[in-house]
N, C-alpha and C. Protein backbone atom coordinates (compact mmCIF):
# COMPACT_ATOMS: atom_id res chain seq x y z
N MET A 1 7.76 -53.36 -2.96
CA MET A 1 8.61 -52.33 -3.52
C MET A 1 9.61 -51.91 -2.44
N LYS A 2 10.85 -51.98 -2.78
CA LYS A 2 11.91 -51.73 -1.81
C LYS A 2 11.75 -50.41 -1.07
N GLU A 3 11.32 -49.38 -1.78
CA GLU A 3 11.21 -48.05 -1.18
C GLU A 3 10.16 -47.99 -0.06
N ASN A 4 9.23 -48.93 -0.04
CA ASN A 4 8.16 -48.94 0.96
C ASN A 4 8.54 -49.68 2.25
N TYR A 5 9.60 -50.47 2.20
CA TYR A 5 9.85 -51.45 3.25
C TYR A 5 10.04 -50.84 4.65
N LYS A 6 11.00 -49.97 4.81
CA LYS A 6 11.33 -49.44 6.15
C LYS A 6 10.14 -48.73 6.78
N ALA A 7 9.50 -47.87 6.00
CA ALA A 7 8.35 -47.13 6.54
C ALA A 7 7.24 -48.09 6.96
N PHE A 8 7.00 -49.15 6.16
CA PHE A 8 5.92 -50.06 6.49
C PHE A 8 6.26 -50.91 7.71
N VAL A 9 7.47 -51.43 7.79
CA VAL A 9 7.84 -52.26 8.94
C VAL A 9 7.78 -51.42 10.22
N ASP A 10 8.28 -50.20 10.17
CA ASP A 10 8.18 -49.33 11.35
C ASP A 10 6.72 -49.13 11.74
N ARG A 11 5.88 -48.88 10.77
CA ARG A 11 4.46 -48.66 11.02
C ARG A 11 3.81 -49.92 11.59
N MET A 12 4.13 -51.08 11.01
CA MET A 12 3.55 -52.34 11.45
C MET A 12 3.91 -52.61 12.91
N ILE A 13 5.15 -52.39 13.26
CA ILE A 13 5.58 -52.62 14.65
C ILE A 13 4.89 -51.64 15.58
N GLN A 14 4.89 -50.37 15.24
CA GLN A 14 4.31 -49.35 16.12
C GLN A 14 2.79 -49.47 16.22
N ARG A 15 2.15 -49.76 15.12
CA ARG A 15 0.69 -49.69 15.08
C ARG A 15 0.02 -51.01 15.45
N TYR A 16 0.60 -52.13 15.03
CA TYR A 16 -0.05 -53.42 15.22
C TYR A 16 0.65 -54.33 16.23
N GLU A 17 1.94 -54.34 16.20
CA GLU A 17 2.67 -55.36 16.96
C GLU A 17 3.11 -54.93 18.35
N GLY A 18 3.59 -53.70 18.47
CA GLY A 18 3.98 -53.20 19.78
C GLY A 18 5.16 -53.92 20.39
N GLY A 19 5.26 -53.82 21.70
CA GLY A 19 6.35 -54.43 22.44
C GLY A 19 5.99 -55.83 22.92
N TYR A 20 6.54 -56.20 24.03
CA TYR A 20 6.39 -57.56 24.55
C TYR A 20 4.97 -57.81 25.06
N GLY A 21 4.49 -59.01 24.79
CA GLY A 21 3.21 -59.45 25.32
C GLY A 21 3.09 -60.96 25.25
N TRP A 22 2.25 -61.50 26.12
CA TRP A 22 1.99 -62.93 26.10
C TRP A 22 0.57 -63.17 26.56
N ASP A 23 -0.31 -63.28 25.60
CA ASP A 23 -1.70 -63.61 25.88
C ASP A 23 -1.81 -65.13 25.81
N ARG A 24 -2.19 -65.75 26.91
CA ARG A 24 -2.23 -67.22 26.97
C ARG A 24 -3.21 -67.82 25.98
N ALA A 25 -4.15 -67.03 25.47
CA ALA A 25 -5.10 -67.53 24.47
C ALA A 25 -4.50 -67.56 23.07
N ASP A 26 -3.35 -66.92 22.90
CA ASP A 26 -2.70 -66.83 21.60
C ASP A 26 -1.75 -68.01 21.43
N PRO A 27 -2.00 -68.89 20.45
CA PRO A 27 -1.12 -70.05 20.27
C PRO A 27 0.30 -69.67 19.85
N GLY A 28 0.51 -68.42 19.43
CA GLY A 28 1.86 -67.97 19.08
C GLY A 28 2.76 -67.77 20.28
N GLY A 29 2.18 -67.71 21.46
CA GLY A 29 2.97 -67.56 22.68
C GLY A 29 3.52 -66.16 22.84
N PRO A 30 4.62 -66.04 23.61
CA PRO A 30 5.21 -64.72 23.86
C PRO A 30 5.70 -64.07 22.56
N THR A 31 5.43 -62.79 22.42
CA THR A 31 5.90 -62.04 21.26
C THR A 31 6.49 -60.72 21.69
N ASN A 32 7.37 -60.22 20.87
CA ASN A 32 7.94 -58.90 21.06
C ASN A 32 8.14 -58.31 19.67
N PHE A 33 7.63 -57.13 19.44
CA PHE A 33 7.69 -56.47 18.14
C PHE A 33 7.05 -57.35 17.06
N GLY A 34 6.13 -58.25 17.46
CA GLY A 34 5.47 -59.13 16.51
C GLY A 34 6.23 -60.42 16.22
N ILE A 35 7.35 -60.61 16.86
CA ILE A 35 8.17 -61.80 16.64
C ILE A 35 7.89 -62.79 17.76
N THR A 36 7.52 -64.02 17.38
CA THR A 36 7.18 -65.05 18.36
C THR A 36 8.43 -65.77 18.86
N CYS A 37 8.23 -66.55 19.91
CA CYS A 37 9.33 -67.38 20.42
C CYS A 37 9.78 -68.38 19.36
N PHE A 38 8.87 -68.86 18.54
CA PHE A 38 9.22 -69.79 17.47
C PHE A 38 10.13 -69.11 16.44
N ASP A 39 9.77 -67.87 16.06
CA ASP A 39 10.59 -67.11 15.11
C ASP A 39 11.98 -66.85 15.68
N LEU A 40 12.04 -66.45 16.93
CA LEU A 40 13.32 -66.12 17.54
C LEU A 40 14.22 -67.35 17.64
N ALA A 41 13.66 -68.48 18.06
CA ALA A 41 14.45 -69.71 18.15
C ALA A 41 14.98 -70.11 16.78
N GLU A 42 14.13 -70.05 15.78
CA GLU A 42 14.56 -70.40 14.42
C GLU A 42 15.68 -69.46 13.96
N HIS A 43 15.51 -68.17 14.21
CA HIS A 43 16.52 -67.19 13.80
C HIS A 43 17.86 -67.44 14.49
N ARG A 44 17.81 -67.87 15.72
CA ARG A 44 19.04 -68.14 16.47
C ARG A 44 19.55 -69.57 16.28
N HIS A 45 18.91 -70.31 15.40
CA HIS A 45 19.29 -71.70 15.10
C HIS A 45 19.27 -72.57 16.35
N GLN A 46 18.20 -72.38 17.13
CA GLN A 46 18.02 -73.14 18.36
C GLN A 46 16.64 -73.79 18.34
N LYS A 47 16.46 -74.74 19.24
CA LYS A 47 15.17 -75.41 19.37
C LYS A 47 14.35 -74.65 20.41
N MET A 48 13.09 -74.38 20.07
CA MET A 48 12.18 -73.71 21.00
C MET A 48 11.69 -74.78 21.98
N SER A 49 12.26 -74.79 23.18
CA SER A 49 12.00 -75.85 24.15
C SER A 49 10.63 -75.68 24.82
N SER A 50 10.34 -74.50 25.30
CA SER A 50 9.04 -74.23 25.91
C SER A 50 8.79 -72.73 25.87
N MET A 51 7.53 -72.36 25.85
CA MET A 51 7.20 -70.94 25.83
C MET A 51 7.69 -70.24 27.09
N SER A 52 7.57 -70.90 28.22
CA SER A 52 8.03 -70.30 29.47
C SER A 52 9.54 -70.04 29.46
N ALA A 53 10.29 -70.99 28.90
CA ALA A 53 11.74 -70.82 28.84
C ALA A 53 12.14 -69.71 27.86
N TRP A 54 11.37 -69.56 26.78
CA TRP A 54 11.72 -68.57 25.77
C TRP A 54 11.11 -67.20 26.04
N ALA A 55 10.15 -67.10 26.92
CA ALA A 55 9.53 -65.80 27.20
C ALA A 55 10.55 -64.73 27.58
N PRO A 56 11.50 -65.00 28.51
CA PRO A 56 12.45 -63.94 28.84
C PRO A 56 13.39 -63.61 27.68
N LEU A 57 13.67 -64.58 26.83
CA LEU A 57 14.53 -64.31 25.67
C LEU A 57 13.81 -63.41 24.67
N VAL A 58 12.52 -63.68 24.47
CA VAL A 58 11.72 -62.85 23.57
C VAL A 58 11.60 -61.44 24.14
N ARG A 59 11.35 -61.35 25.44
CA ARG A 59 11.22 -60.03 26.08
C ARG A 59 12.51 -59.21 25.93
N ALA A 60 13.66 -59.87 26.01
CA ALA A 60 14.95 -59.17 25.95
C ALA A 60 15.44 -58.94 24.51
N MET A 61 14.76 -59.51 23.53
CA MET A 61 15.18 -59.38 22.14
C MET A 61 15.22 -57.90 21.74
N PRO A 62 16.34 -57.45 21.18
CA PRO A 62 16.40 -56.06 20.74
C PRO A 62 15.59 -55.85 19.45
N LEU A 63 15.16 -54.63 19.26
CA LEU A 63 14.38 -54.28 18.06
C LEU A 63 15.14 -54.64 16.79
N GLN A 64 16.45 -54.43 16.79
CA GLN A 64 17.24 -54.72 15.58
C GLN A 64 17.14 -56.19 15.19
N GLU A 65 17.11 -57.09 16.18
CA GLU A 65 16.99 -58.51 15.86
C GLU A 65 15.60 -58.80 15.28
N ALA A 66 14.57 -58.17 15.82
CA ALA A 66 13.23 -58.33 15.25
C ALA A 66 13.21 -57.85 13.81
N GLU A 67 13.84 -56.72 13.55
CA GLU A 67 13.88 -56.19 12.18
C GLU A 67 14.65 -57.13 11.26
N ASP A 68 15.70 -57.75 11.77
CA ASP A 68 16.45 -58.74 10.98
C ASP A 68 15.57 -59.93 10.62
N ILE A 69 14.74 -60.37 11.57
CA ILE A 69 13.83 -61.50 11.31
C ILE A 69 12.80 -61.11 10.27
N TYR A 70 12.23 -59.91 10.37
CA TYR A 70 11.30 -59.46 9.34
C TYR A 70 11.94 -59.50 7.97
N ALA A 71 13.18 -59.01 7.88
CA ALA A 71 13.85 -58.93 6.58
C ALA A 71 14.22 -60.30 6.04
N THR A 72 14.79 -61.15 6.88
CA THR A 72 15.30 -62.43 6.39
C THR A 72 14.23 -63.50 6.25
N LYS A 73 13.23 -63.47 7.10
CA LYS A 73 12.20 -64.51 7.05
C LYS A 73 10.97 -64.07 6.25
N TYR A 74 10.38 -62.98 6.63
CA TYR A 74 9.10 -62.60 6.05
C TYR A 74 9.23 -61.83 4.73
N ALA A 75 10.02 -60.79 4.69
CA ALA A 75 10.13 -59.99 3.46
C ALA A 75 10.73 -60.80 2.32
N THR A 76 11.66 -61.67 2.63
CA THR A 76 12.26 -62.51 1.60
C THR A 76 11.24 -63.49 1.04
N ALA A 77 10.49 -64.16 1.91
CA ALA A 77 9.50 -65.14 1.45
C ALA A 77 8.43 -64.51 0.56
N CYS A 78 8.00 -63.30 0.92
CA CYS A 78 6.92 -62.67 0.14
C CYS A 78 7.45 -61.78 -0.97
N ARG A 79 8.76 -61.76 -1.16
CA ARG A 79 9.39 -60.98 -2.24
C ARG A 79 8.93 -59.53 -2.22
N PHE A 80 8.98 -58.96 -1.03
CA PHE A 80 8.50 -57.60 -0.81
C PHE A 80 9.07 -56.62 -1.82
N ASP A 81 10.37 -56.67 -2.04
CA ASP A 81 11.02 -55.70 -2.93
C ASP A 81 10.56 -55.80 -4.37
N ASP A 82 10.05 -56.97 -4.77
CA ASP A 82 9.65 -57.20 -6.15
C ASP A 82 8.17 -56.93 -6.41
N LEU A 83 7.38 -56.81 -5.36
CA LEU A 83 5.94 -56.57 -5.52
C LEU A 83 5.66 -55.08 -5.71
N ASN A 84 4.56 -54.80 -6.38
CA ASN A 84 4.12 -53.41 -6.56
C ASN A 84 3.70 -52.81 -5.21
N SER A 85 3.67 -51.48 -5.16
CA SER A 85 3.21 -50.76 -3.97
C SER A 85 1.76 -51.13 -3.66
N GLY A 86 1.51 -51.40 -2.40
CA GLY A 86 0.18 -51.81 -1.94
C GLY A 86 0.15 -53.31 -1.73
N PRO A 87 0.26 -54.11 -2.79
CA PRO A 87 0.35 -55.56 -2.60
C PRO A 87 1.55 -55.97 -1.74
N ASP A 88 2.66 -55.25 -1.83
CA ASP A 88 3.84 -55.59 -1.03
C ASP A 88 3.51 -55.58 0.47
N CYS A 89 2.90 -54.51 0.92
CA CYS A 89 2.57 -54.38 2.34
C CYS A 89 1.45 -55.34 2.75
N THR A 90 0.50 -55.57 1.85
CA THR A 90 -0.62 -56.46 2.17
C THR A 90 -0.16 -57.89 2.39
N VAL A 91 0.71 -58.38 1.51
CA VAL A 91 1.20 -59.75 1.64
C VAL A 91 2.12 -59.87 2.86
N LEU A 92 3.00 -58.90 3.07
CA LEU A 92 3.91 -58.97 4.21
C LEU A 92 3.15 -58.98 5.53
N ASP A 93 2.19 -58.10 5.68
CA ASP A 93 1.46 -58.04 6.95
C ASP A 93 0.69 -59.33 7.22
N PHE A 94 0.07 -59.89 6.21
CA PHE A 94 -0.63 -61.16 6.34
C PHE A 94 0.38 -62.24 6.75
N GLY A 95 1.55 -62.25 6.11
CA GLY A 95 2.58 -63.23 6.43
C GLY A 95 3.07 -63.13 7.85
N VAL A 96 3.30 -61.93 8.33
CA VAL A 96 3.76 -61.74 9.71
C VAL A 96 2.69 -62.21 10.69
N ASN A 97 1.44 -61.91 10.40
CA ASN A 97 0.35 -62.23 11.31
C ASN A 97 -0.07 -63.70 11.27
N SER A 98 0.06 -64.34 10.10
CA SER A 98 -0.49 -65.69 9.97
C SER A 98 0.43 -66.68 9.25
N GLY A 99 1.66 -66.29 8.96
CA GLY A 99 2.60 -67.18 8.29
C GLY A 99 2.75 -66.85 6.81
N SER A 100 3.99 -66.80 6.35
CA SER A 100 4.26 -66.42 4.96
C SER A 100 3.64 -67.38 3.96
N SER A 101 3.77 -68.67 4.19
CA SER A 101 3.23 -69.65 3.25
C SER A 101 1.72 -69.48 3.10
N ARG A 102 1.03 -69.27 4.20
CA ARG A 102 -0.42 -69.08 4.15
C ARG A 102 -0.76 -67.80 3.38
N ALA A 103 -0.05 -66.71 3.68
CA ALA A 103 -0.31 -65.45 2.99
C ALA A 103 -0.10 -65.60 1.49
N ILE A 104 0.94 -66.31 1.11
CA ILE A 104 1.23 -66.50 -0.31
C ILE A 104 0.16 -67.38 -0.96
N LYS A 105 -0.28 -68.43 -0.27
CA LYS A 105 -1.34 -69.28 -0.83
C LYS A 105 -2.62 -68.47 -1.07
N TYR A 106 -2.96 -67.59 -0.14
CA TYR A 106 -4.15 -66.76 -0.34
C TYR A 106 -3.92 -65.75 -1.46
N ALA A 107 -2.72 -65.21 -1.58
CA ALA A 107 -2.41 -64.32 -2.70
C ALA A 107 -2.53 -65.09 -4.02
N GLN A 108 -2.11 -66.34 -4.02
CA GLN A 108 -2.24 -67.17 -5.21
C GLN A 108 -3.70 -67.44 -5.54
N MET A 109 -4.54 -67.57 -4.53
CA MET A 109 -5.98 -67.71 -4.78
C MET A 109 -6.53 -66.46 -5.46
N VAL A 110 -6.07 -65.29 -5.01
CA VAL A 110 -6.53 -64.04 -5.58
C VAL A 110 -6.20 -63.95 -7.07
N VAL A 111 -4.98 -64.35 -7.44
CA VAL A 111 -4.54 -64.18 -8.83
C VAL A 111 -4.72 -65.43 -9.68
N GLY A 112 -5.16 -66.54 -9.07
CA GLY A 112 -5.45 -67.75 -9.84
C GLY A 112 -4.25 -68.57 -10.27
N THR A 113 -3.16 -68.49 -9.51
CA THR A 113 -2.00 -69.33 -9.81
C THR A 113 -2.01 -70.54 -8.87
N PRO A 114 -1.24 -71.59 -9.21
CA PRO A 114 -1.22 -72.77 -8.34
C PRO A 114 -0.81 -72.39 -6.91
N ARG A 115 -1.52 -72.98 -5.93
CA ARG A 115 -1.32 -72.64 -4.53
C ARG A 115 -0.28 -73.55 -3.89
N ASP A 116 0.98 -73.15 -4.04
CA ASP A 116 2.05 -73.92 -3.44
C ASP A 116 2.72 -73.21 -2.27
N GLY A 117 2.31 -71.98 -1.98
CA GLY A 117 2.87 -71.24 -0.87
C GLY A 117 4.24 -70.64 -1.13
N VAL A 118 4.67 -70.65 -2.38
CA VAL A 118 5.96 -70.07 -2.76
C VAL A 118 5.68 -68.96 -3.76
N LEU A 119 6.19 -67.78 -3.48
CA LEU A 119 5.95 -66.66 -4.38
C LEU A 119 7.04 -66.67 -5.46
N GLY A 120 6.80 -67.50 -6.47
CA GLY A 120 7.73 -67.64 -7.59
C GLY A 120 7.42 -66.65 -8.69
N PRO A 121 8.10 -66.79 -9.83
CA PRO A 121 7.97 -65.81 -10.91
C PRO A 121 6.56 -65.73 -11.51
N VAL A 122 5.85 -66.85 -11.58
CA VAL A 122 4.51 -66.82 -12.16
C VAL A 122 3.55 -66.06 -11.25
N THR A 123 3.60 -66.35 -9.96
CA THR A 123 2.73 -65.63 -9.01
C THR A 123 3.12 -64.16 -8.93
N LEU A 124 4.41 -63.88 -8.91
CA LEU A 124 4.87 -62.50 -8.86
C LEU A 124 4.35 -61.71 -10.06
N ALA A 125 4.47 -62.28 -11.24
CA ALA A 125 4.00 -61.59 -12.45
C ALA A 125 2.48 -61.39 -12.40
N ALA A 126 1.75 -62.39 -11.90
CA ALA A 126 0.30 -62.28 -11.83
C ALA A 126 -0.14 -61.20 -10.85
N ILE A 127 0.52 -61.13 -9.69
CA ILE A 127 0.19 -60.09 -8.71
C ILE A 127 0.49 -58.71 -9.28
N ASN A 128 1.66 -58.57 -9.88
CA ASN A 128 2.06 -57.26 -10.40
C ASN A 128 1.26 -56.84 -11.63
N ALA A 129 0.63 -57.81 -12.32
CA ALA A 129 -0.21 -57.48 -13.47
C ALA A 129 -1.62 -57.07 -13.06
N MET A 130 -2.02 -57.43 -11.84
CA MET A 130 -3.36 -57.13 -11.37
C MET A 130 -3.43 -55.69 -10.86
N ASP A 131 -4.59 -55.07 -10.98
CA ASP A 131 -4.78 -53.75 -10.40
C ASP A 131 -4.43 -53.81 -8.91
N ALA A 132 -3.53 -52.96 -8.47
CA ALA A 132 -3.02 -53.02 -7.09
C ALA A 132 -4.14 -52.89 -6.06
N ASN A 133 -5.06 -51.97 -6.27
CA ASN A 133 -6.13 -51.76 -5.30
C ASN A 133 -7.09 -52.94 -5.25
N LYS A 134 -7.36 -53.56 -6.38
CA LYS A 134 -8.21 -54.75 -6.39
C LYS A 134 -7.52 -55.89 -5.67
N PHE A 135 -6.23 -56.06 -5.90
CA PHE A 135 -5.49 -57.11 -5.20
C PHE A 135 -5.56 -56.89 -3.69
N VAL A 136 -5.31 -55.66 -3.25
CA VAL A 136 -5.37 -55.33 -1.82
C VAL A 136 -6.74 -55.70 -1.26
N ASP A 137 -7.79 -55.28 -1.92
CA ASP A 137 -9.14 -55.58 -1.43
C ASP A 137 -9.41 -57.08 -1.38
N ASP A 138 -9.07 -57.77 -2.45
CA ASP A 138 -9.34 -59.21 -2.51
C ASP A 138 -8.55 -59.97 -1.45
N LEU A 139 -7.27 -59.64 -1.29
CA LEU A 139 -6.47 -60.36 -0.30
C LEU A 139 -6.95 -60.04 1.11
N CYS A 140 -7.29 -58.79 1.38
CA CYS A 140 -7.83 -58.45 2.71
C CYS A 140 -9.14 -59.18 2.98
N ASP A 141 -9.99 -59.31 1.97
CA ASP A 141 -11.25 -60.04 2.15
C ASP A 141 -11.00 -61.51 2.43
N PHE A 142 -10.10 -62.13 1.67
CA PHE A 142 -9.76 -63.54 1.92
C PHE A 142 -9.15 -63.71 3.31
N ARG A 143 -8.31 -62.77 3.69
CA ARG A 143 -7.68 -62.84 5.01
C ARG A 143 -8.72 -62.79 6.12
N LEU A 144 -9.68 -61.89 6.01
CA LEU A 144 -10.73 -61.81 7.02
C LEU A 144 -11.54 -63.10 7.09
N GLY A 145 -11.80 -63.70 5.94
CA GLY A 145 -12.50 -64.98 5.91
C GLY A 145 -11.72 -66.06 6.64
N PHE A 146 -10.43 -66.10 6.41
CA PHE A 146 -9.57 -67.05 7.11
C PHE A 146 -9.60 -66.81 8.62
N LEU A 147 -9.45 -65.56 9.02
CA LEU A 147 -9.41 -65.23 10.44
C LEU A 147 -10.73 -65.54 11.14
N ARG A 148 -11.84 -65.25 10.47
CA ARG A 148 -13.16 -65.53 11.06
C ARG A 148 -13.37 -67.01 11.34
N ALA A 149 -12.70 -67.86 10.58
CA ALA A 149 -12.86 -69.31 10.75
C ALA A 149 -12.02 -69.87 11.90
N LEU A 150 -11.13 -69.07 12.45
CA LEU A 150 -10.28 -69.55 13.54
C LEU A 150 -11.04 -69.63 14.86
N GLY A 151 -10.70 -70.59 15.68
CA GLY A 151 -11.33 -70.76 16.98
C GLY A 151 -11.07 -69.61 17.93
N THR A 152 -10.06 -68.80 17.66
CA THR A 152 -9.72 -67.67 18.53
C THR A 152 -10.36 -66.35 18.05
N TRP A 153 -11.24 -66.43 17.03
CA TRP A 153 -11.88 -65.22 16.51
C TRP A 153 -12.62 -64.46 17.60
N SER A 154 -13.32 -65.17 18.49
CA SER A 154 -14.10 -64.48 19.52
C SER A 154 -13.21 -63.68 20.47
N THR A 155 -11.98 -64.11 20.62
CA THR A 155 -11.03 -63.41 21.49
C THR A 155 -10.32 -62.27 20.76
N PHE A 156 -9.87 -62.53 19.54
CA PHE A 156 -9.01 -61.59 18.83
C PHE A 156 -9.65 -60.94 17.61
N GLY A 157 -10.87 -61.32 17.28
CA GLY A 157 -11.51 -60.87 16.04
C GLY A 157 -11.63 -59.37 15.90
N LYS A 158 -11.99 -58.69 16.97
CA LYS A 158 -12.15 -57.23 16.88
C LYS A 158 -10.82 -56.57 16.51
N GLY A 159 -9.75 -56.99 17.15
CA GLY A 159 -8.43 -56.44 16.84
C GLY A 159 -7.97 -56.78 15.44
N TRP A 160 -8.20 -58.03 15.04
CA TRP A 160 -7.82 -58.43 13.69
C TRP A 160 -8.60 -57.65 12.64
N SER A 161 -9.89 -57.47 12.86
CA SER A 161 -10.71 -56.70 11.92
C SER A 161 -10.20 -55.27 11.79
N SER A 162 -9.87 -54.67 12.92
CA SER A 162 -9.33 -53.30 12.89
C SER A 162 -8.00 -53.25 12.16
N ARG A 163 -7.16 -54.23 12.41
CA ARG A 163 -5.85 -54.26 11.75
C ARG A 163 -6.02 -54.36 10.24
N VAL A 164 -6.87 -55.28 9.78
CA VAL A 164 -7.05 -55.47 8.34
C VAL A 164 -7.69 -54.23 7.71
N ALA A 165 -8.65 -53.61 8.37
CA ALA A 165 -9.27 -52.39 7.84
C ALA A 165 -8.25 -51.26 7.73
N ASP A 166 -7.44 -51.10 8.76
CA ASP A 166 -6.40 -50.07 8.75
C ASP A 166 -5.37 -50.35 7.66
N LEU A 167 -4.95 -51.61 7.57
CA LEU A 167 -3.98 -52.00 6.55
C LEU A 167 -4.53 -51.74 5.16
N ARG A 168 -5.78 -52.09 4.94
CA ARG A 168 -6.42 -51.89 3.62
C ARG A 168 -6.32 -50.41 3.21
N GLY A 169 -6.69 -49.52 4.12
CA GLY A 169 -6.62 -48.09 3.81
C GLY A 169 -5.21 -47.63 3.53
N TYR A 170 -4.27 -48.08 4.35
CA TYR A 170 -2.87 -47.71 4.15
C TYR A 170 -2.37 -48.19 2.79
N CYS A 171 -2.68 -49.44 2.46
CA CYS A 171 -2.20 -50.01 1.20
C CYS A 171 -2.82 -49.32 0.00
N HIS A 172 -4.07 -48.89 0.11
CA HIS A 172 -4.67 -48.12 -0.98
C HIS A 172 -3.93 -46.80 -1.16
N ARG A 173 -3.59 -46.16 -0.06
CA ARG A 173 -2.84 -44.89 -0.17
C ARG A 173 -1.46 -45.12 -0.76
N VAL A 174 -0.78 -46.18 -0.34
CA VAL A 174 0.56 -46.46 -0.87
C VAL A 174 0.47 -46.84 -2.34
N ALA A 175 -0.54 -47.62 -2.71
CA ALA A 175 -0.70 -48.02 -4.11
C ALA A 175 -0.94 -46.83 -5.01
N GLY A 176 -1.58 -45.81 -4.47
CA GLY A 176 -1.86 -44.62 -5.26
C GLY A 176 -0.76 -43.59 -5.22
N ALA A 177 0.23 -43.83 -4.36
CA ALA A 177 1.32 -42.87 -4.20
C ALA A 177 2.53 -43.31 -5.00
N SER A 178 3.36 -42.37 -5.35
CA SER A 178 4.65 -42.73 -5.96
C SER A 178 5.53 -43.32 -4.87
N ALA A 179 6.55 -44.04 -5.26
CA ALA A 179 7.44 -44.67 -4.28
C ALA A 179 8.05 -43.64 -3.35
N SER A 180 8.41 -42.48 -3.86
CA SER A 180 9.04 -41.49 -3.00
C SER A 180 8.06 -40.93 -1.97
N SER A 181 6.81 -40.75 -2.36
CA SER A 181 5.87 -40.22 -1.38
C SER A 181 5.40 -41.31 -0.42
N ALA A 182 5.46 -42.59 -0.84
CA ALA A 182 5.08 -43.68 0.06
C ALA A 182 5.98 -43.71 1.28
N LYS A 183 7.25 -43.40 1.09
CA LYS A 183 8.19 -43.37 2.22
C LYS A 183 7.83 -42.29 3.21
N ALA A 184 7.12 -41.29 2.75
CA ALA A 184 6.84 -40.13 3.60
C ALA A 184 5.62 -40.31 4.50
N PHE A 185 4.88 -41.43 4.38
CA PHE A 185 3.73 -41.65 5.26
C PHE A 185 4.20 -41.75 6.71
N HIS A 186 3.64 -40.94 7.56
CA HIS A 186 3.93 -40.99 8.99
C HIS A 186 2.61 -41.09 9.74
N GLU A 187 2.68 -41.55 10.96
CA GLU A 187 1.46 -41.72 11.75
C GLU A 187 0.65 -40.44 11.86
N GLU A 188 1.30 -39.30 12.01
CA GLU A 188 0.55 -38.07 12.17
C GLU A 188 -0.16 -37.67 10.88
N ASP A 189 0.32 -38.18 9.74
CA ASP A 189 -0.31 -37.91 8.46
C ASP A 189 -1.37 -38.93 8.12
N ASP A 190 -1.43 -40.01 8.89
CA ASP A 190 -2.27 -41.14 8.58
C ASP A 190 -3.59 -41.02 9.33
N PRO A 191 -4.71 -40.78 8.62
CA PRO A 191 -5.98 -40.56 9.31
C PRO A 191 -6.59 -41.83 9.87
N ALA A 192 -6.09 -43.00 9.49
CA ALA A 192 -6.70 -44.26 9.95
C ALA A 192 -6.47 -44.52 11.42
């Protein structure tokens, strides 16, 4: 839902993604505001030559460029503006964390549509026809199952579990709120 976008992206960056970091155990490499070197190179229509070469570029990336990548790459792929409140944030966050195509395939598993990784009209209608809170719960459960199967779970599992639990609560609140009140969620109002 379009009205949820800015508040959620701001929250996602502040709460989950933060600023620059490069954990060598993370196959995504250097990130800033949740944007990887791969995302940045693609956005700039360049080839990602090496993580070491792109680390300073990622570190210097302005927040506005990260927000542009969220809008053009992730929000567009998951059709954020067209999804109901709650499912919109759930699919976007999964996409940012693990890839849009993967997030969409898992959303398609939840609603029983063909798993092609493209959020087309059939999948969109199925998601929007489903109870928003049930969709949020089911997608979060599938996401945790996917994450637990990764070889990096022992390193990042605690953080991922916290992120998904926090996201689940937020999405339930947004799904139960009107679009105008969803925009008003702020960290100080958020008990999670």
